[in-house]
């Protein structure tokens, strides 16, 4: 059964790759003039570039949001650590005072 699944995966990979190569061959060997073919390729290139810029802008925006949130959380953690440190220092000073009272210093 496992071999059957693997063979299906290989079949669909081959189908996908063959389809992509067939589409590319169709574009390159289509009965279009060189000028028309170059124009089509140029338009597809512009579309791909536009899509890439949109993806980059979205990713950049999301990255900035994440960085802002991380900075905010870091500040919160720093404040909590400082507060905890001050509390511990106060407790230590209190304990030192109690020890001094016990030993009469």
PDB file of N, CA and C in Angstrom:
ATOM      1  N   UNK A   1       0.831  -1.186   0.000  1.00  0.00           N
ATOM      2  CA  UNK A   1       0.000   0.000   0.000  1.00  0.00           C
ATOM      3  C   UNK A   1       0.876   1.250   0.000  1.00  0.00           C
ATOM      4  N   UNK A   2       1.971   1.194   0.754  1.00  0.00           N
ATOM      5  CA  UNK A   2       2.868   2.332   0.820  1.00  0.00           C
ATOM      6  C   UNK A   2       3.505   2.605  -0.537  1.00  0.00           C
ATOM      7  N   UNK A   3       3.866   1.561  -1.247  1.00  0.00           N
ATOM      8  CA  UNK A   3       4.461   1.709  -2.576  1.00  0.00           C
ATOM      9  C   UNK A   3       3.460   2.315  -3.544  1.00  0.00           C
ATOM     10  N   UNK A   4       2.197   1.960  -3.388  1.00  0.00           N
ATOM     11  CA  UNK A   4       1.149   2.505  -4.248  1.00  0.00           C
ATOM     12  C   UNK A   4       1.060   4.026  -4.045  1.00  0.00           C
ATOM     13  N   UNK A   5       1.128   4.480  -2.782  1.00  0.00           N
ATOM     14  CA  UNK A   5       1.091   5.917  -2.478  1.00  0.00           C
ATOM     15  C   UNK A   5       2.287   6.642  -3.056  1.00  0.00           C
ATOM     16  N   UNK A   6       3.457   6.009  -2.965  1.00  0.00           N
ATOM     17  CA  UNK A   6       4.663   6.616  -3.517  1.00  0.00           C
ATOM     18  C   UNK A   6       4.564   6.736  -5.032  1.00  0.00           C
ATOM     19  N   UNK A   7       4.020   5.720  -5.663  1.00  0.00           N
ATOM     20  CA  UNK A   7       3.915   5.770  -7.120  1.00  0.00           C
ATOM     21  C   UNK A   7       2.930   6.852  -7.549  1.00  0.00           C
ATOM     22  N   UNK A   8       1.883   7.064  -6.757  1.00  0.00           N
ATOM     23  CA  UNK A   8       0.943   8.143  -7.078  1.00  0.00           C
ATOM     24  C   UNK A   8       1.613   9.503  -6.939  1.00  0.00           C
ATOM     25  N   UNK A   9       2.410   9.665  -5.895  1.00  0.00           N
ATOM     26  CA  UNK A   9       3.129  10.925  -5.688  1.00  0.00           C
ATOM     27  C   UNK A   9       4.061  11.183  -6.865  1.00  0.00           C
ATOM     28  N   UNK A  10       4.790  10.150  -7.274  1.00  0.00           N
ATOM     29  CA  UNK A  10       5.706  10.303  -8.406  1.00  0.00           C
ATOM     30  C   UNK A  10       4.937  10.620  -9.682  1.00  0.00           C
ATOM     31  N   UNK A  11       3.790  10.002  -9.845  1.00  0.00           N
ATOM     32  CA  UNK A  11       2.971  10.262 -11.038  1.00  0.00           C
ATOM     33  C   UNK A  11       2.543  11.724 -11.073  1.00  0.00           C
ATOM     34  N   UNK A  12       2.043  12.229  -9.940  1.00  0.00           N
ATOM     35  CA  UNK A  12       1.567  13.609  -9.919  1.00  0.00           C
ATOM     36  C   UNK A  12       2.714  14.614 -10.038  1.00  0.00           C
ATOM     37  N   UNK A  13       3.877  14.292  -9.483  1.00  0.00           N
ATOM     38  CA  UNK A  13       5.045  15.158  -9.679  1.00  0.00           C
ATOM     39  C   UNK A  13       5.391  15.222 -11.165  1.00  0.00           C
ATOM     40  N   UNK A  14       5.403  14.056 -11.802  1.00  0.00           N
ATOM     41  CA  UNK A  14       5.702  14.004 -13.235  1.00  0.00           C
ATOM     42  C   UNK A  14       4.661  14.750 -14.041  1.00  0.00           C
ATOM     43  N   UNK A  15       3.408  14.625 -13.656  1.00  0.00           N
ATOM     44  CA  UNK A  15       2.330  15.322 -14.350  1.00  0.00           C
ATOM     45  C   UNK A  15       2.500  16.830 -14.215  1.00  0.00           C
ATOM     46  N   UNK A  16       2.825  17.285 -13.027  1.00  0.00           N
ATOM     47  CA  UNK A  16       3.015  18.713 -12.779  1.00  0.00           C
ATOM     48  C   UNK A  16       4.213  19.252 -13.554  1.00  0.00           C
ATOM     49  N   UNK A  17       5.321  18.552 -13.482  1.00  0.00           N
ATOM     50  CA  UNK A  17       6.521  18.999 -14.199  1.00  0.00           C
ATOM     51  C   UNK A  17       6.284  18.962 -15.704  1.00  0.00           C
ATOM     52  N   UNK A  18       5.656  17.903 -16.172  1.00  0.00           N
ATOM     53  CA  UNK A  18       5.360  17.799 -17.608  1.00  0.00           C
ATOM     54  C   UNK A  18       4.430  18.902 -18.072  1.00  0.00           C
ATOM     55  N   UNK A  19       3.439  19.227 -17.255  1.00  0.00           N
ATOM     56  CA  UNK A  19       2.517  20.310 -17.598  1.00  0.00           C
ATOM     57  C   UNK A  19       3.227  21.646 -17.689  1.00  0.00           C
ATOM     58  N   UNK A  20       4.126  21.904 -16.724  1.00  0.00           N
ATOM     59  CA  UNK A  20       4.875  23.164 -16.735  1.00  0.00           C
ATOM     60  C   UNK A  20       5.784  23.245 -17.956  1.00  0.00           C
ATOM     61  N   UNK A  21       6.472  22.150 -18.255  1.00  0.00           N
ATOM     62  CA  UNK A  21       7.358  22.146 -19.433  1.00  0.00           C
ATOM     63  C   UNK A  21       6.548  22.285 -20.727  1.00  0.00           C
ATOM     64  N   UNK A  22       5.372  21.657 -20.767  1.00  0.00           N
ATOM     65  CA  UNK A  22       4.521  21.768 -21.942  1.00  0.00           C
ATOM     66  C   UNK A  22       4.031  23.193 -22.152  1.00  0.00           C
ATOM     67  N   UNK A  23       3.667  23.851 -21.069  1.00  0.00           N
ATOM     68  CA  UNK A  23       3.216  25.245 -21.172  1.00  0.00           C
ATOM     69  C   UNK A  23       4.352  26.135 -21.656  1.00  0.00           C
ATOM     70  N   UNK A  24       5.551  25.912 -21.119  1.00  0.00           N
ATOM     71  CA  UNK A  24       6.710  26.688 -21.553  1.00  0.00           C
ATOM     72  C   UNK A  24       7.009  26.451 -23.025  1.00  0.00           C
ATOM     73  N   UNK A  25       6.959  25.205 -23.434  1.00  0.00           N
ATOM     74  CA  UNK A  25       7.201  24.883 -24.845  1.00  0.00           C
ATOM     75  C   UNK A  25       6.128  25.517 -25.720  1.00  0.00           C
ATOM     76  N   UNK A  26       4.892  25.514 -25.250  1.00  0.00           N
ATOM     77  CA  UNK A  26       3.808  26.130 -26.010  1.00  0.00           C
ATOM     78  C   UNK A  26       4.031  27.615 -26.215  1.00  0.00           C
ATOM     79  N   UNK A  27       4.522  28.274 -25.173  1.00  0.00           N
ATOM     80  CA  UNK A  27       4.790  29.715 -25.287  1.00  0.00           C
ATOM     81  C   UNK A  27       5.932  29.971 -26.263  1.00  0.00           C
ATOM     82  N   UNK A  28       6.993  29.191 -26.121  1.00  0.00           N
ATOM     83  CA  UNK A  28       8.173  29.440 -26.943  1.00  0.00           C
ATOM     84  C   UNK A  28       7.983  29.026 -28.407  1.00  0.00           C
ATOM     85  N   UNK A  29       7.177  28.014 -28.661  1.00  0.00           N
ATOM     86  CA  UNK A  29       7.016  27.532 -30.024  1.00  0.00           C
ATOM     87  C   UNK A  29       5.673  27.931 -30.636  1.00  0.00           C
ATOM     88  N   UNK A  30       4.954  28.814 -29.981  1.00  0.00           N
ATOM     89  CA  UNK A  30       3.666  29.257 -30.514  1.00  0.00           C
ATOM     90  C   UNK A  30       3.889  30.039 -31.809  1.00  0.00           C
ATOM     91  N   UNK A  31       2.926  29.963 -32.704  1.00  0.00           N
ATOM     92  CA  UNK A  31       3.100  30.677 -33.979  1.00  0.00           C
ATOM     93  C   UNK A  31       2.843  32.175 -33.826  1.00  0.00           C
ATOM     94  N   UNK A  32       3.668  32.811 -33.014  1.00  0.00           N
ATOM     95  CA  UNK A  32       3.582  34.261 -32.832  1.00  0.00           C
ATOM     96  C   UNK A  32       4.847  34.865 -33.418  1.00  0.00           C
ATOM     97  N   UNK A  33       4.712  36.103 -33.776  1.00  0.00           N
ATOM     98  CA  UNK A  33       5.906  36.797 -34.255  1.00  0.00           C
ATOM     99  C   UNK A  33       6.841  37.018 -33.072  1.00  0.00           C
ATOM    100  N   UNK A  34       8.086  37.206 -33.361  1.00  0.00           N
ATOM    101  CA  UNK A  34       9.072  37.446 -32.303  1.00  0.00           C
ATOM    102  C   UNK A  34       8.709  38.663 -31.480  1.00  0.00           C
ATOM    103  N   UNK A  35       8.206  39.692 -32.161  1.00  0.00           N
ATOM    104  CA  UNK A  35       7.828  40.920 -31.468  1.00  0.00           C
ATOM    105  C   UNK A  35       6.675  40.649 -30.500  1.00  0.00           C
ATOM    106  N   UNK A  36       5.667  39.911 -30.952  1.00  0.00           N
ATOM    107  CA  UNK A  36       4.515  39.595 -30.110  1.00  0.00           C
ATOM    108  C   UNK A  36       4.934  38.706 -28.942  1.00  0.00           C
ATOM    109  N   UNK A  37       5.788  37.727 -29.184  1.00  0.00           N
ATOM    110  CA  UNK A  37       6.257  36.823 -28.140  1.00  0.00           C
ATOM    111  C   UNK A  37       7.049  37.592 -27.074  1.00  0.00           C
ATOM    112  N   UNK A  38       7.924  38.477 -27.535  1.00  0.00           N
ATOM    113  CA  UNK A  38       8.700  39.284 -26.589  1.00  0.00           C
ATOM    114  C   UNK A  38       7.779  40.179 -25.767  1.00  0.00           C
ATOM    115  N   UNK A  39       6.762  40.705 -26.400  1.00  0.00           N
ATOM    116  CA  UNK A  39       5.791  41.546 -25.702  1.00  0.00           C
ATOM    117  C   UNK A  39       5.058  40.734 -24.630  1.00  0.00           C
ATOM    118  N   UNK A  40       4.644  39.506 -24.991  1.00  0.00           N
ATOM    119  CA  UNK A  40       3.958  38.645 -24.027  1.00  0.00           C
ATOM    120  C   UNK A  40       4.858  38.305 -22.839  1.00  0.00           C
ATOM    121  N   UNK A  41       6.103  37.974 -23.138  1.00  0.00           N
ATOM    122  CA  UNK A  41       7.058  37.641 -22.076  1.00  0.00           C
ATOM    123  C   UNK A  41       7.294  38.855 -21.185  1.00  0.00           C
ATOM    124  N   UNK A  42       7.397  40.035 -21.791  1.00  0.00           N
ATOM    125  CA  UNK A  42       7.605  41.268 -21.034  1.00  0.00           C
ATOM    126  C   UNK A  42       6.411  41.534 -20.112  1.00  0.00           C
ATOM    127  N   UNK A  43       5.198  41.332 -20.600  1.00  0.00           N
ATOM    128  CA  UNK A  43       4.001  41.544 -19.784  1.00  0.00           C
ATOM    129  C   UNK A  43       3.946  40.555 -18.617  1.00  0.00           C
ATOM    130  N   UNK A  44       4.251  39.297 -18.884  1.00  0.00           N
ATOM    131  CA  UNK A  44       4.273  38.293 -17.816  1.00  0.00           C
ATOM    132  C   UNK A  44       5.325  38.654 -16.776  1.00  0.00           C
ATOM    133  N   UNK A  45       6.469  39.138 -17.238  1.00  0.00           N
ATOM    134  CA  UNK A  45       7.530  39.551 -16.326  1.00  0.00           C
ATOM    135  C   UNK A  45       7.075  40.702 -15.440  1.00  0.00           C
ATOM    136  N   UNK A  46       6.353  41.659 -16.033  1.00  0.00           N
ATOM    137  CA  UNK A  46       5.837  42.784 -15.249  1.00  0.00           C
ATOM    138  C   UNK A  46       4.836  42.311 -14.205  1.00  0.00           C
ATOM    139  N   UNK A  47       3.963  41.357 -14.592  1.00  0.00           N
ATOM    140  CA  UNK A  47       2.982  40.824 -13.647  1.00  0.00           C
ATOM    141  C   UNK A  47       3.676  40.122 -12.480  1.00  0.00           C
ATOM    142  N   UNK A  48       4.679  39.325 -12.801  1.00  0.00           N
ATOM    143  CA  UNK A  48       5.412  38.607 -11.759  1.00  0.00           C
ATOM    144  C   UNK A  48       6.132  39.587 -10.837  1.00  0.00           C
ATOM    145  N   UNK A  49       6.732  40.621 -11.411  1.00  0.00           N
ATOM    146  CA  UNK A  49       7.425  41.628 -10.615  1.00  0.00           C
ATOM    147  C   UNK A  49       6.446  42.360  -9.701  1.00  0.00           C
ATOM    148  N   UNK A  50       5.275  42.699 -10.237  1.00  0.00           N
ATOM    149  CA  UNK A  50       4.256  43.379  -9.439  1.00  0.00           C
ATOM    150  C   UNK A  50       3.814  42.495  -8.282  1.00  0.00           C
ATOM    151  N   UNK A  51       3.563  41.215  -8.564  1.00  0.00           N
ATOM    152  CA  UNK A  51       3.163  40.276  -7.511  1.00  0.00           C
ATOM    153  C   UNK A  51       4.252  40.144  -6.458  1.00  0.00           C
ATOM    154  N   UNK A  52       5.490  40.088  -6.903  1.00  0.00           N
ATOM    155  CA  UNK A  52       6.614  39.993  -5.973  1.00  0.00           C
ATOM    156  C   UNK A  52       6.712  41.210  -5.072  1.00  0.00           C
ATOM    157  N   UNK A  53       6.479  42.391  -5.640  1.00  0.00           N
ATOM    158  CA  UNK A  53       6.516  43.619  -4.837  1.00  0.00           C
ATOM    159  C   UNK A  53       5.398  43.637  -3.807  1.00  0.00           C
ATOM    160  N   UNK A  54       4.215  43.158  -4.188  1.00  0.00           N
ATOM    161  CA  UNK A  54       3.094  43.100  -3.247  1.00  0.00           C
ATOM    162  C   UNK A  54       3.400  42.140  -2.103  1.00  0.00           C
ATOM    163  N   UNK A  55       3.949  40.995  -2.440  1.00  0.00           N
ATOM    164  CA  UNK A  55       4.302  40.012  -1.409  1.00  0.00           C
ATOM    165  C   UNK A  55       5.357  40.594  -0.472  1.00  0.00           C
ATOM    166  N   UNK A  56       6.349  41.278  -1.050  1.00  0.00           N
ATOM    167  CA  UNK A  56       7.407  41.898  -0.242  1.00  0.00           C
ATOM    168  C   UNK A  56       6.811  42.954   0.691  1.00  0.00           C
ATOM    169  N   UNK A  57       5.897  43.776   0.170  1.00  0.00           N
ATOM    170  CA  UNK A  57       5.288  44.830   0.985  1.00  0.00           C
ATOM    171  C   UNK A  57       4.490  44.220   2.136  1.00  0.00           C
ATOM    172  N   UNK A  58       3.730  43.171   1.855  1.00  0.00           N
ATOM    173  CA  UNK A  58       2.961  42.506   2.907  1.00  0.00           C
ATOM    174  C   UNK A  58       3.877  41.911   3.964  1.00  0.00           C
ATOM    175  N   UNK A  59       4.914  41.220   3.509  1.00  0.00           N
ATOM    176  CA  UNK A  59       5.852  40.597   4.451  1.00  0.00           C
ATOM    177  C   UNK A  59       6.568  41.658   5.282  1.00  0.00           C
ATOM    178  N   UNK A  60       6.944  42.750   4.645  1.00  0.00           N
ATOM    179  CA  UNK A  60       7.632  43.826   5.347  1.00  0.00           C
ATOM    180  C   UNK A  60       6.723  44.441   6.410  1.00  0.00           C
ATOM    181  N   UNK A  61       5.482  44.672   6.051  1.00  0.00           N
ATOM    182  CA  UNK A  61       4.516  45.241   6.987  1.00  0.00           C
ATOM    183  C   UNK A  61       4.301  44.317   8.185  1.00  0.00           C
ATOM    184  N   UNK A  62       4.133  43.029   7.914  1.00  0.00           N
ATOM    185  CA  UNK A  62       3.926  42.073   8.996  1.00  0.00           C
ATOM    186  C   UNK A  62       5.173  41.978   9.879  1.00  0.00           C
ATOM    187  N   UNK A  63       6.341  42.023   9.254  1.00  0.00           N
ATOM    188  CA  UNK A  63       7.586  41.957  10.025  1.00  0.00           C
ATOM    189  C   UNK A  63       7.698  43.162  10.957  1.00  0.00           C
ATOM    190  N   UNK A  64       7.330  44.351  10.467  1.00  0.00           N
ATOM    191  CA  UNK A  64       7.383  45.553  11.303  1.00  0.00           C
ATOM    192  C   UNK A  64       6.416  45.443  12.471  1.00  0.00           C
ATOM    193  N   UNK A  65       5.225  44.890  12.227  1.00  0.00           N
ATOM    194  CA  UNK A  65       4.260  44.692  13.306  1.00  0.00           C
ATOM    195  C   UNK A  65       4.824  43.747  14.360  1.00  0.00           C
ATOM    196  N   UNK A  66       5.417  42.657  13.904  1.00  0.00           N
ATOM    197  CA  UNK A  66       5.975  41.672  14.828  1.00  0.00           C
ATOM    198  C   UNK A  66       7.115  42.277  15.630  1.00  0.00           C
ATOM    199  N   UNK A  67       7.980  43.036  14.969  1.00  0.00           N
ATOM    200  CA  UNK A  67       9.101  43.668  15.660  1.00  0.00           C
ATOM    201  C   UNK A  67       8.590  44.642  16.711  1.00  0.00           C
ATOM    202  N   UNK A  68       7.563  45.418  16.372  1.00  0.00           N
ATOM    203  CA  UNK A  68       6.977  46.345  17.337  1.00  0.00           C
ATOM    204  C   UNK A  68       6.417  45.617  18.548  1.00  0.00           C
ATOM    205  N   UNK A  69       5.724  44.514  18.302  1.00  0.00           N
ATOM    206  CA  UNK A  69       5.154  43.729  19.402  1.00  0.00           C
ATOM    207  C   UNK A  69       6.258  43.128  20.263  1.00  0.00           C
ATOM    208  N   UNK A  70       7.316  42.634  19.650  1.00  0.00           N
ATOM    209  CA  UNK A  70       8.434  42.055  20.404  1.00  0.00           C
ATOM    210  C   UNK A  70       9.103  43.122  21.267  1.00  0.00           C
ATOM    211  N   UNK A  71       9.287  44.319  20.712  1.00  0.00           N
ATOM    212  CA  UNK A  71       9.883  45.408  21.503  1.00  0.00           C
ATOM    213  C   UNK A  71       9.012  45.748  22.699  1.00  0.00           C
ATOM    214  N   UNK A  72       7.702  45.807  22.466  1.00  0.00           N
ATOM    215  CA  UNK A  72       6.771  46.112  23.558  1.00  0.00           C
ATOM    216  C   UNK A  72       6.854  45.050  24.654  1.00  0.00           C
ATOM    217  N   UNK A  73       6.841  43.786  24.247  1.00  0.00           N
ATOM    218  CA  UNK A  73       6.918  42.698  25.215  1.00  0.00           C
ATOM    219  C   UNK A  73       8.248  42.713  25.959  1.00  0.00           C
ATOM    220  N   UNK A  74       9.326  43.056  25.250  1.00  0.00           N
ATOM    221  CA  UNK A  74      10.643  43.122  25.893  1.00  0.00           C
ATOM    222  C   UNK A  74      10.659  44.218  26.959  1.00  0.00           C
ATOM    223  N   UNK A  75      10.045  45.363  26.656  1.00  0.00           N
ATOM    224  CA  UNK A  75       9.983  46.443  27.645  1.00  0.00           C
ATOM    225  C   UNK A  75       9.178  46.012  28.865  1.00  0.00           C
ATOM    226  N   UNK A  76       8.067  45.307  28.618  1.00  0.00           N
ATOM    227  CA  UNK A  76       7.239  44.818  29.723  1.00  0.00           C
ATOM    228  C   UNK A  76       8.033  43.845  30.596  1.00  0.00           C
ATOM    229  N   UNK A  77       8.747  42.922  29.961  1.00  0.00           N
ATOM    230  CA  UNK A  77       9.545  41.954  30.716  1.00  0.00           C
ATOM    231  C   UNK A  77      10.659  42.636  31.503  1.00  0.00           C
ATOM    232  N   UNK A  78      11.281  43.637  30.890  1.00  0.00           N
ATOM    233  CA  UNK A  78      12.344  44.373  31.579  1.00  0.00           C
ATOM    234  C   UNK A  78      11.781  45.059  32.817  1.00  0.00           C
ATOM    235  N   UNK A  79      10.619  45.684  32.675  1.00  0.00           N
ATOM    236  CA  UNK A  79       9.988  46.368  33.803  1.00  0.00           C
ATOM    237  C   UNK A  79       9.650  45.368  34.908  1.00  0.00           C
ATOM    238  N   UNK A  80       9.085  44.206  34.517  1.00  0.00           N
ATOM    239  CA  UNK A  80       8.756  43.179  35.508  1.00  0.00           C
ATOM    240  C   UNK A  80      10.013  42.693  36.225  1.00  0.00           C
ATOM    241  N   UNK A  81      11.104  42.517  35.491  1.00  0.00           N
ATOM    242  CA  UNK A  81      12.361  42.058  36.096  1.00  0.00           C
ATOM    243  C   UNK A  81      12.909  43.108  37.052  1.00  0.00           C
ATOM    244  N   UNK A  82      12.831  44.376  36.650  1.00  0.00           N
ATOM    245  CA  UNK A  82      13.308  45.439  37.530  1.00  0.00           C
ATOM    246  C   UNK A  82      12.475  45.494  38.804  1.00  0.00           C
ATOM    247  N   UNK A  83      11.158  45.380  38.658  1.00  0.00           N
ATOM    248  CA  UNK A  83      10.283  45.395  39.835  1.00  0.00           C
ATOM    249  C   UNK A  83      10.589  44.217  40.759  1.00  0.00           C
ATOM    250  N   UNK A  84      10.781  43.040  40.164  1.00  0.00           N
ATOM    251  CA  UNK A  84      11.101  41.855  40.963  1.00  0.00           C
ATOM    252  C   UNK A  84      12.448  42.036  41.658  1.00  0.00           C
ATOM    253  N   UNK A  85      13.414  42.617  40.956  1.00  0.00           N
ATOM    254  CA  UNK A  85      14.734  42.858  41.554  1.00  0.00           C
ATOM    255  C   UNK A  85      14.643  43.824  42.732  1.00  0.00           C
ATOM    256  N   UNK A  86      13.856  44.880  42.585  1.00  0.00           N
ATOM    257  CA  UNK A  86      13.686  45.845  43.672  1.00  0.00           C
ATOM    258  C   UNK A  86      13.003  45.184  44.877  1.00  0.00           C
ATOM    259  N   UNK A  87      12.012  44.345  44.600  1.00  0.00           N
ATOM    260  CA  UNK A  87      11.301  43.661  45.673  1.00  0.00           C
ATOM    261  C   UNK A  87      12.253  42.736  46.432  1.00  0.00           C
ATOM    262  N   UNK A  88      13.074  41.999  45.684  1.00  0.00           N
ATOM    263  CA  UNK A  88      14.037  41.090  46.318  1.00  0.00           C
ATOM    264  C   UNK A  88      15.048  41.885  47.128  1.00  0.00           C
ATOM    265  N   UNK A  89      15.523  43.014  46.574  1.00  0.00           N
ATOM    266  CA  UNK A  89      16.492  43.841  47.301  1.00  0.00           C
ATOM    267  C   UNK A  89      15.880  44.363  48.596  1.00  0.00           C
ATOM    268  N   UNK A  90      14.623  44.795  48.543  1.00  0.00           N
ATOM    269  CA  UNK A  90      13.951  45.273  49.764  1.00  0.00           C
ATOM    270  C   UNK A  90      13.840  44.154  50.792  1.00  0.00           C
ATOM    271  N   UNK A  91      13.495  42.954  50.343  1.00  0.00           N
ATOM    272  CA  UNK A  91      13.383  41.820  51.258  1.00  0.00           C
ATOM    273  C   UNK A  91      14.731  41.485  51.881  1.00  0.00           C
ATOM    274  N   UNK A  92      15.798  41.555  51.075  1.00  0.00           N
ATOM    275  CA  UNK A  92      17.141  41.276  51.594  1.00  0.00           C
ATOM    276  C   UNK A  92      17.513  42.300  52.657  1.00  0.00           C
ATOM    277  N   UNK A  93      17.248  43.584  52.381  1.00  0.00           N
ATOM    278  CA  UNK A  93      17.565  44.631  53.371  1.00  0.00           C
ATOM    279  C   UNK A  93      16.752  44.425  54.648  1.00  0.00           C
ATOM    280  N   UNK A  94      15.506  44.003  54.515  1.00  0.00           N
ATOM    281  CA  UNK A  94      14.669  43.735  55.683  1.00  0.00           C
ATOM    282  C   UNK A  94      15.240  42.578  56.496  1.00  0.00           C
ATOM    283  N   UNK A  95      15.653  41.523  55.821  1.00  0.00           N
ATOM    284  CA  UNK A  95      16.226  40.360  56.511  1.00  0.00           C
ATOM    285  C   UNK A  95      17.537  40.733  57.192  1.00  0.00           C
ATOM    286  N   UNK A  96      18.343  41.552  56.515  1.00  0.00           N
ATOM    287  CA  UNK A  96      19.606  42.009  57.122  1.00  0.00           C
ATOM    288  C   UNK A  96      19.310  42.796  58.392  1.00  0.00           C
ATOM    289  N   UNK A  97      18.283  43.649  58.336  1.00  0.00           N
ATOM    290  CA  UNK A  97      17.877  44.411  59.528  1.00  0.00           C
ATOM    291  C   UNK A  97      17.451  43.489  60.653  1.00  0.00           C
ATOM    292  N   UNK A  98      16.715  42.437  60.335  1.00  0.00           N
ATOM    293  CA  UNK A  98      16.264  41.492  61.348  1.00  0.00           C
ATOM    294  C   UNK A  98      17.453  40.752  61.956  1.00  0.00           C
ATOM    295  N   UNK A  99      18.428  40.377  61.109  1.00  0.00           N
ATOM    296  CA  UNK A  99      19.628  39.691  61.608  1.00  0.00           C
ATOM    297  C   UNK A  99      20.428  40.600  62.525  1.00  0.00           C
ATOM    298  N   UNK A 100      20.541  41.882  62.159  1.00  0.00           N
ATOM    299  CA  UNK A 100      21.270  42.829  62.984  1.00  0.00           C
ATOM    300  C   UNK A 100      20.599  42.991  64.353  1.00  0.00           C
ATOM    301  N   UNK A 101      19.263  42.986  64.348  1.00  0.00           N
ATOM    302  CA  UNK A 101      18.543  43.104  65.628  1.00  0.00           C
ATOM    303  C   UNK A 101      18.816  41.892  66.505  1.00  0.00           C
ATOM    304  N   UNK A 102      18.848  40.725  65.893  1.00  0.00           N
ATOM    305  CA  UNK A 102      19.074  39.494  66.658  1.00  0.00           C
ATOM    306  C   UNK A 102      20.472  39.498  67.269  1.00  0.00           C
ATOM    307  N   UNK A 103      21.465  39.943  66.507  1.00  0.00           N
ATOM    308  CA  UNK A 103      22.846  39.925  66.998  1.00  0.00           C
ATOM    309  C   UNK A 103      23.227  41.226  67.686  1.00  0.00           C
ATOM    310  N   UNK A 104      22.304  42.157  67.772  1.00  0.00           N
ATOM    311  CA  UNK A 104      22.522  43.407  68.518  1.00  0.00           C
ATOM    312  C   UNK A 104      23.508  44.357  67.898  1.00  0.00           C
ATOM    313  N   UNK A 105      23.533  44.447  66.637  1.00  0.00           N
ATOM    314  CA  UNK A 105      24.456  45.378  65.973  1.00  0.00           C
ATOM    315  C   UNK A 105      23.772  46.611  65.523  1.00  0.00           C
TER     316      UNK A 105
END
